[in-house]
Amino acid sequence: MQPERSEQVPAWRRALGTAAAVFLGAVLLVAAYAKAIDPEAFAEQMRTEGLTFGLPAMALALGALALEAGLGSALVLAVRRLWVLVPAALLSAFFLLLTGRNWWLTETGRRDPDASCGCFGNLVERTPAEAFGQDLLLLGVPALLAFLGRPRGGPRVPALRTAAAALVAAAVAGFAWRAPELPLDDLATRLAPGAEVAALCAGAGDGRVCLDAVVPELTEGEHVVVLSGLEDPELTGAIDRLNDYAIEAAPAGAPSLWLVNPDPLEAQRGFYWRWGPAFAVREAPPALLRPLYRRLPRSFLVRDGAVAATWSGLPPLERLAETGAGDPAGRPAGRTAAAEPDGTALAYRQAGSPAAGRGRETAPREDP
C-alpha cells in the first residue's frame, strides 16, 4: 500500500499551511460576524455593488453569510480539503476584486470614497486603498499559503468537523435573519456608550468630517441627539412631542435636543417650513451617519463630548425631562433653539410664544 503523501511533506510546510488556513478561517468568521449583526447594511452594499442580479438582496446576503461562515468554520477546524480550500480562495479573490474595483472607482471619481469598503461592513473605517491592501494581506496571502502541505490521505469529508461547520453556517444565517429585531445597535455600529463624538468621523484628508464639526455644541454640556431622515414617519409623527420637549423641558435643565439628518438642503427647508421645529436641525454627510445606525431613527445622549446612552428609535423624552438638571447648553432660561433652513444657524424663540407652542404654525424669520 502506498503511504500517505502527507507524511512525505516537510513538517514546516504542513504547519505553515495549517496556520494559514486557521488564520484565514478566523478572518472569514470575524467578517461574517461584522456583517451578520447588520445584515440590512450588507444587503444595501450588495445592491450598491450590483450583486443582486434582480434577486432579493436580503436572501442573497443571508446565503453569502452562511457560505462565509461555513468556509471559515471548516478552515478553523483544519479541514484542508480541496472542496474547502478552492471555494475559500475564490471567495477571498472575490473580496479582493470588490475592494480593488472600489479603489479604482474612487480614484477615477466614479464613486464616493466614503462608501463602505471591504468585507468587514460598517464597523471598520478604511479608505478604499487601505481596504484593498489589508484584504490582500488578511485574505489573499493566507488563501495561497493554506494549500501548502495539504493532507492527501484520510477521509475527503471529515464527518464531525464538516457537520460542525454546517451547523455554524446555519446558525449564522439564522442569527442574521433575526438580527435587525435584536438590541444589537451598540455592537453593530460605531455609536455606543463611551464613544467620543470627536472620534465619530468619515472621509480622509481635507474631506474628513467628524460629528463634533456638525454639532460643535456637543463637546460641552448634556445633549440628546436624534438621527433620522426628515420624512421618517416615526419622526414626523412625534414632532409635537419633540417641540414640547424643546420648548418646556430643555430650557428647564433637561438635555438640549438636536436632530441630525443626511437629507439635502432642499429637504431641510421643506422640513422647516412644514413642521417648524423648535429644536436644532443639522445636516450631516450620509457617509458620516451610516456607520452610526442600523435603522433610523436612532438617538443618543451626550455628556461633555462622550456618548452616555443610546436608544433605538426616538429618545425617552419624558424620562429625560424628569432627570434633567441645570442648563447644559448654556442658553438663556425660557428660550429654546430652532434650526434655520440651512441647518447651521440657530434662531431663538420665546418658549411662551404662540408660534413656539405650535410648530406647524411657526415661520422662519426671513425667507431663506
Protein backbone atom coordinates (compact mmCIF):
# COMPACT_ATOMS: atom_id res chain seq x y z
CA MET A 1 0.00 0.00 0.00
CA GLN A 2 1.29 3.41 -0.91
CA PRO A 3 1.93 5.58 2.19
CA GLU A 4 0.05 8.80 2.63
CA ARG A 5 1.78 11.61 0.81
CA SER A 6 1.12 13.92 3.75
CA GLU A 7 3.86 12.08 5.64
CA GLN A 8 6.35 12.95 2.89
CA VAL A 9 5.68 16.69 3.16
CA PRO A 10 8.08 18.61 5.40
CA ALA A 11 6.59 19.37 8.78
CA TRP A 12 7.16 23.10 8.42
CA ARG A 13 5.03 23.17 5.27
CA ARG A 14 2.19 21.33 6.97
CA ALA A 15 2.40 23.63 9.98
CA LEU A 16 2.52 26.78 7.83
CA GLY A 17 -0.36 25.63 5.66
CA THR A 18 -2.48 24.72 8.67
CA ALA A 19 -1.74 28.01 10.42
CA ALA A 20 -2.61 29.97 7.28
CA ALA A 21 -5.88 28.06 6.89
CA VAL A 22 -6.86 28.64 10.52
CA PHE A 23 -5.96 32.34 10.23
CA LEU A 24 -7.97 32.72 7.02
CA GLY A 25 -10.90 30.93 8.64
CA ALA A 26 -10.78 33.26 11.64
CA VAL A 27 -10.77 36.31 9.34
CA LEU A 28 -13.78 34.97 7.45
CA LEU A 29 -15.65 34.33 10.71
CA VAL A 30 -14.93 37.84 12.01
CA ALA A 31 -16.06 39.29 8.69
CA ALA A 32 -19.23 37.19 8.76
CA TYR A 33 -19.98 38.38 12.30
CA ALA A 34 -19.44 42.04 11.37
CA LYS A 35 -22.00 41.72 8.58
CA ALA A 36 -24.42 39.36 10.35
CA ILE A 37 -25.18 41.85 13.14
CA ASP A 38 -26.25 44.37 10.48
CA PRO A 39 -27.48 42.31 7.52
CA GLU A 40 -29.55 45.14 6.09
CA ALA A 41 -26.40 47.23 5.61
CA PHE A 42 -24.75 44.22 3.95
CA ALA A 43 -27.74 43.84 1.61
CA GLU A 44 -27.54 47.55 0.87
CA GLN A 45 -23.86 47.17 -0.02
CA MET A 46 -24.69 44.26 -2.32
CA ARG A 47 -27.18 46.44 -4.16
CA THR A 48 -24.57 49.20 -4.45
CA GLU A 49 -22.09 46.74 -5.95
CA GLY A 50 -24.71 45.40 -8.37
CA LEU A 51 -24.50 41.87 -6.96
CA THR A 52 -28.21 41.11 -6.53
CA PHE A 53 -28.94 40.22 -10.18
CA GLY A 54 -32.60 41.05 -9.70
CA LEU A 55 -32.96 38.71 -6.72
CA PRO A 56 -33.97 39.71 -3.16
CA ALA A 57 -30.92 41.35 -1.63
CA MET A 58 -31.60 40.11 1.89
CA ALA A 59 -31.93 36.49 0.79
CA LEU A 60 -28.65 36.72 -1.10
CA ALA A 61 -27.00 38.37 1.91
CA LEU A 62 -28.10 35.53 4.20
CA GLY A 63 -26.81 32.95 1.74
CA ALA A 64 -23.48 34.73 1.41
CA LEU A 65 -23.12 34.90 5.19
CA ALA A 66 -23.86 31.18 5.51
CA LEU A 67 -21.20 30.39 2.89
CA GLU A 68 -18.63 32.67 4.51
CA ALA A 69 -19.28 31.31 8.00
CA GLY A 70 -19.29 27.70 6.82
CA LEU A 71 -15.97 28.01 4.99
CA GLY A 72 -14.45 29.94 7.88
CA SER A 73 -15.52 27.30 10.38
CA ALA A 74 -14.18 24.47 8.24
CA LEU A 75 -10.81 26.19 7.92
CA VAL A 76 -10.60 26.92 11.65
CA LEU A 77 -11.27 23.22 12.22
CA ALA A 78 -8.36 22.45 9.84
CA VAL A 79 -10.49 20.87 7.13
CA ARG A 80 -7.98 21.49 4.34
CA ARG A 81 -9.58 19.58 1.51
CA LEU A 82 -9.90 21.00 -1.99
CA TRP A 83 -13.66 21.33 -1.64
CA VAL A 84 -12.97 23.82 1.19
CA LEU A 85 -9.73 25.46 0.03
CA VAL A 86 -10.82 26.22 -3.52
CA PRO A 87 -14.12 27.97 -2.58
CA ALA A 88 -12.30 29.85 0.22
CA ALA A 89 -9.63 31.01 -2.22
CA LEU A 90 -12.29 32.05 -4.75
CA LEU A 91 -14.21 33.93 -2.05
CA SER A 92 -11.02 35.72 -0.98
CA ALA A 93 -10.29 36.60 -4.61
CA PHE A 94 -13.83 37.91 -4.97
CA PHE A 95 -13.43 40.19 -1.94
CA LEU A 96 -10.15 41.45 -3.38
CA LEU A 97 -11.84 42.09 -6.71
CA LEU A 98 -14.54 44.14 -5.00
CA THR A 99 -12.14 46.22 -2.92
CA GLY A 100 -9.79 46.69 -5.88
CA ARG A 101 -12.69 47.76 -8.07
CA ASN A 102 -13.93 50.14 -5.39
CA TRP A 103 -10.45 51.64 -5.09
CA TRP A 104 -10.27 52.16 -8.85
CA LEU A 105 -13.76 53.70 -8.99
CA THR A 106 -12.95 56.16 -6.21
CA GLU A 107 -9.59 57.08 -7.71
CA THR A 108 -11.29 57.86 -11.02
CA GLY A 109 -14.05 59.87 -9.33
CA ARG A 110 -16.83 57.42 -10.19
CA ARG A 111 -17.74 56.54 -6.61
CA ASP A 112 -17.89 58.32 -3.29
CA PRO A 113 -14.63 57.50 -1.47
CA ASP A 114 -16.55 57.40 1.83
CA ALA A 115 -18.52 54.32 0.77
CA SER A 116 -18.12 51.27 3.00
CA CYS A 117 -15.10 49.23 1.93
CA GLY A 118 -14.26 45.55 2.15
CA CYS A 119 -15.69 42.54 3.95
CA PHE A 120 -15.98 43.96 7.48
CA GLY A 121 -19.14 46.04 6.99
CA ASN A 122 -19.52 49.40 8.70
CA LEU A 123 -17.61 48.53 11.87
CA VAL A 124 -14.17 49.29 10.42
CA GLU A 125 -13.32 52.69 8.97
CA ARG A 126 -11.00 52.18 5.98
CA THR A 127 -10.17 54.12 2.86
CA PRO A 128 -10.55 52.20 -0.42
CA ALA A 129 -6.76 51.88 -0.72
CA GLU A 130 -6.48 50.65 2.87
CA ALA A 131 -9.30 48.15 2.32
CA PHE A 132 -7.56 46.62 -0.70
CA GLY A 133 -4.16 46.47 0.97
CA GLN A 134 -5.47 45.00 4.20
CA ASP A 135 -7.66 42.44 2.43
CA LEU A 136 -4.68 41.41 0.32
CA LEU A 137 -2.71 40.64 3.48
CA LEU A 138 -5.58 39.20 5.52
CA LEU A 139 -7.21 37.15 2.76
CA GLY A 140 -5.06 36.81 -0.32
CA VAL A 141 -1.79 35.69 1.26
CA PRO A 142 -3.33 33.17 3.72
CA ALA A 143 -5.55 31.76 0.96
CA LEU A 144 -2.45 30.85 -1.05
CA LEU A 145 -0.43 29.57 1.90
CA ALA A 146 -3.31 27.38 3.05
CA PHE A 147 -2.59 25.00 0.17
CA LEU A 148 0.92 24.24 1.48
CA GLY A 149 1.34 20.73 2.87
CA ARG A 150 -2.30 19.92 2.24
CA PRO A 151 -3.08 16.40 3.55
CA ARG A 152 -3.76 13.88 0.79
CA GLY A 153 -4.81 10.97 2.96
CA GLY A 154 -7.71 10.48 5.33
CA PRO A 155 -11.42 10.99 4.62
CA ARG A 156 -12.29 13.58 1.99
CA VAL A 157 -15.19 14.77 4.12
CA PRO A 158 -14.37 14.58 7.87
CA ALA A 159 -17.84 13.88 9.21
CA LEU A 160 -17.77 15.58 12.61
CA ARG A 161 -15.86 18.68 11.54
CA THR A 162 -17.95 19.11 8.41
CA ALA A 163 -21.15 18.79 10.44
CA ALA A 164 -19.87 21.38 12.90
CA ALA A 165 -19.07 23.80 10.05
CA ALA A 166 -22.53 23.27 8.53
CA LEU A 167 -24.12 23.91 11.92
CA VAL A 168 -22.19 27.19 12.30
CA ALA A 169 -23.24 28.26 8.79
CA ALA A 170 -26.91 27.62 9.56
CA ALA A 171 -26.64 29.36 12.93
CA VAL A 172 -25.05 32.48 11.42
CA ALA A 173 -27.72 32.70 8.71
CA GLY A 174 -30.48 32.28 11.29
CA PHE A 175 -28.91 34.83 13.59
CA ALA A 176 -28.53 37.36 10.75
CA TRP A 177 -32.17 36.82 9.78
CA ARG A 178 -33.32 37.84 13.27
CA ALA A 179 -30.57 40.38 13.97
CA PRO A 180 -32.44 43.53 12.84
CA GLU A 181 -35.01 42.93 15.59
CA LEU A 182 -32.42 42.29 18.30
CA PRO A 183 -30.92 45.05 20.53
CA LEU A 184 -27.52 44.96 18.87
CA ASP A 185 -27.08 48.57 17.78
CA ASP A 186 -24.21 49.24 20.17
CA LEU A 187 -22.36 46.19 18.84
CA ALA A 188 -23.20 46.68 15.18
CA THR A 189 -22.32 50.37 14.87
CA ARG A 190 -19.59 52.79 15.88
CA LEU A 191 -22.05 54.65 18.09
CA ALA A 192 -22.02 53.16 21.58
CA PRO A 193 -21.70 54.41 25.16
CA GLY A 194 -18.19 55.67 25.77
CA ALA A 195 -17.57 56.78 22.19
CA GLU A 196 -16.24 60.32 21.76
CA VAL A 197 -18.17 62.44 19.27
CA ALA A 198 -14.85 63.83 18.05
CA ALA A 199 -13.86 60.30 17.04
CA LEU A 200 -17.02 59.60 15.01
CA CYS A 201 -15.69 60.60 11.60
CA ALA A 202 -15.80 59.81 7.90
CA GLY A 203 -13.58 60.64 4.96
CA ALA A 204 -9.89 61.35 4.73
CA GLY A 205 -7.62 64.34 4.31
CA ASP A 206 -9.32 67.66 3.65
CA GLY A 207 -12.64 65.89 3.17
CA ARG A 208 -12.67 64.32 6.63
CA VAL A 209 -15.61 65.39 8.78
CA CYS A 210 -16.47 64.44 12.36
CA LEU A 211 -19.66 64.68 14.36
CA ASP A 212 -18.27 67.41 16.60
CA ALA A 213 -17.84 69.58 13.48
CA VAL A 214 -21.50 69.09 12.55
CA VAL A 215 -22.69 69.89 16.09
CA PRO A 216 -19.83 71.64 17.94
CA GLU A 217 -22.08 72.21 20.94
CA LEU A 218 -21.92 68.50 21.80
CA THR A 219 -18.44 68.88 23.26
CA GLU A 220 -19.82 70.63 26.35
CA GLY A 221 -22.87 70.00 28.46
CA GLU A 222 -25.62 67.43 28.09
CA HIS A 223 -27.48 66.86 24.83
CA VAL A 224 -29.83 64.34 23.26
CA VAL A 225 -29.37 63.75 19.53
CA VAL A 226 -31.84 62.15 17.15
CA LEU A 227 -30.53 60.64 13.91
CA SER A 228 -33.32 60.44 11.37
CA GLY A 229 -34.40 61.11 7.84
CA LEU A 230 -36.61 64.18 7.67
CA GLU A 231 -39.53 62.27 6.15
CA ASP A 232 -39.38 59.32 8.51
CA PRO A 233 -42.97 58.73 9.75
CA GLU A 234 -41.81 57.95 13.29
CA LEU A 235 -40.12 61.35 13.42
CA THR A 236 -42.89 63.39 11.79
CA GLY A 237 -45.49 61.66 13.95
CA ALA A 238 -43.65 62.84 17.07
CA ILE A 239 -42.99 66.47 16.09
CA ASP A 240 -45.39 67.86 18.69
CA ARG A 241 -43.75 65.82 21.45
CA LEU A 242 -40.29 66.86 20.32
CA ASN A 243 -41.32 70.51 20.13
CA ASP A 244 -42.93 70.38 23.56
CA TYR A 245 -39.73 68.92 24.98
CA ALA A 246 -37.57 71.58 23.30
CA ILE A 247 -39.84 74.40 24.45
CA GLU A 248 -40.55 73.30 28.00
CA ALA A 249 -38.05 70.71 29.23
CA ALA A 250 -34.75 71.73 27.65
CA PRO A 251 -34.82 75.34 28.92
CA ALA A 252 -35.70 74.00 32.38
CA GLY A 253 -32.49 71.99 32.57
CA ALA A 254 -33.10 68.80 30.57
CA PRO A 255 -30.61 67.90 27.82
CA SER A 256 -30.92 70.11 24.74
CA LEU A 257 -32.40 68.43 21.67
CA TRP A 258 -30.78 68.11 18.24
CA LEU A 259 -31.94 66.45 15.04
CA VAL A 260 -29.12 65.32 12.74
CA ASN A 261 -30.10 64.07 9.30
CA PRO A 262 -28.50 63.10 5.97
CA ASP A 263 -31.01 64.89 3.72
CA PRO A 264 -30.07 67.66 1.23
CA LEU A 265 -30.63 71.38 1.70
CA GLU A 266 -33.98 71.47 -0.12
CA ALA A 267 -35.34 68.81 2.22
CA GLN A 268 -34.08 70.84 5.20
CA ARG A 269 -36.01 73.87 4.01
CA GLY A 270 -39.13 71.85 3.34
CA PHE A 271 -38.96 70.27 6.79
CA TYR A 272 -38.53 73.67 8.41
CA TRP A 273 -41.46 75.27 6.60
CA ARG A 274 -43.79 72.31 7.06
CA TRP A 275 -43.09 71.41 10.66
CA GLY A 276 -41.49 74.50 12.25
CA PRO A 277 -39.17 72.58 14.59
CA ALA A 278 -38.49 74.14 17.97
CA PHE A 279 -35.24 72.17 18.17
CA ALA A 280 -31.98 72.46 16.28
CA VAL A 281 -31.74 70.66 12.93
CA ARG A 282 -28.33 69.90 11.44
CA GLU A 283 -27.35 68.25 8.19
CA ALA A 284 -24.56 65.66 8.13
CA PRO A 285 -22.98 63.71 5.25
CA PRO A 286 -24.62 60.31 4.76
CA ALA A 287 -21.20 58.65 4.95
CA LEU A 288 -20.75 60.05 8.47
CA LEU A 289 -24.13 58.88 9.72
CA ARG A 290 -24.40 55.46 8.05
CA PRO A 291 -21.96 53.67 10.42
CA LEU A 292 -23.89 55.06 13.40
CA TYR A 293 -27.18 53.23 12.94
CA ARG A 294 -28.80 50.07 11.65
CA ARG A 295 -32.26 51.57 11.30
CA LEU A 296 -33.47 55.13 11.63
CA PRO A 297 -34.40 56.87 13.78
CA ARG A 298 -31.75 56.27 16.41
CA SER A 299 -30.99 58.50 19.39
CA PHE A 300 -28.22 59.01 21.90
CA LEU A 301 -27.32 61.07 24.95
CA VAL A 302 -24.05 63.01 25.03
CA ARG A 303 -22.32 64.35 28.13
CA ASP A 304 -19.33 66.64 27.58
CA GLY A 305 -18.47 65.14 24.21
CA ALA A 306 -18.89 61.45 25.15
CA VAL A 307 -21.85 59.20 24.34
CA ALA A 308 -23.58 58.25 27.60
CA ALA A 309 -26.57 56.24 26.34
CA THR A 310 -28.19 55.12 23.10
CA TRP A 311 -31.74 54.20 22.06
CA SER A 312 -33.28 52.52 19.06
CA GLY A 313 -35.92 54.92 17.80
CA LEU A 314 -36.73 58.21 19.47
CA PRO A 315 -35.38 59.06 22.94
CA PRO A 316 -37.44 58.67 26.13
CA LEU A 317 -38.35 62.35 26.30
CA GLU A 318 -40.46 62.10 29.45
CA ARG A 319 -37.66 60.42 31.40
CA LEU A 320 -35.10 62.91 30.12
CA ALA A 321 -37.36 65.80 31.10
CA GLU A 322 -37.67 64.43 34.64
CA THR A 323 -33.98 63.76 35.20
CA GLY A 324 -32.51 66.94 33.63
CA ALA A 325 -30.65 69.28 35.96
CA GLY A 326 -29.07 72.60 35.09
CA ASP A 327 -28.88 74.06 31.58
CA PRO A 328 -26.02 72.15 29.88
CA ALA A 329 -26.32 74.12 26.66
CA GLY A 330 -25.88 77.39 28.49
CA ARG A 331 -28.89 79.00 26.82
CA PRO A 332 -30.92 81.76 28.44
CA ALA A 333 -33.79 80.47 30.54
CA GLY A 334 -37.14 80.44 28.82
CA ARG A 335 -35.65 80.20 25.31
CA THR A 336 -35.10 77.24 23.03
CA ALA A 337 -33.06 76.71 19.91
CA ALA A 338 -34.56 76.14 16.47
CA ALA A 339 -32.69 75.43 13.29
CA GLU A 340 -32.69 77.75 10.33
CA PRO A 341 -33.45 76.12 6.97
CA ASP A 342 -29.75 75.74 6.15
CA GLY A 343 -29.29 73.61 9.27
CA THR A 344 -26.40 75.68 10.61
CA ALA A 345 -27.50 78.95 12.23
CA LEU A 346 -29.68 78.95 15.34
CA ALA A 347 -32.67 81.20 15.92
CA TYR A 348 -34.05 81.65 19.41
CA ARG A 349 -37.73 81.91 20.10
CA GLN A 350 -39.54 82.70 23.29
CA ALA A 351 -40.88 79.45 24.73
CA GLY A 352 -44.14 81.12 25.72
CA SER A 353 -44.99 82.49 22.27
CA PRO A 354 -47.95 81.02 20.33
CA ALA A 355 -45.67 80.21 17.39
CA ALA A 356 -43.29 78.24 19.57
CA GLY A 357 -46.20 76.35 21.05
CA ARG A 358 -47.37 75.11 17.67
CA GLY A 359 -44.50 74.01 15.47
CA ARG A 360 -46.55 73.84 12.28
CA GLU A 361 -47.55 77.47 12.60
CA THR A 362 -44.00 78.75 13.07
CA ALA A 363 -42.40 80.69 10.24
CA PRO A 364 -38.72 81.50 9.82
CA ARG A 365 -37.50 84.99 10.49
CA GLU A 366 -36.63 85.58 6.86
CA ASP A 367 -37.04 83.93 3.50
CA PRO A 368 -34.17 81.51 3.01
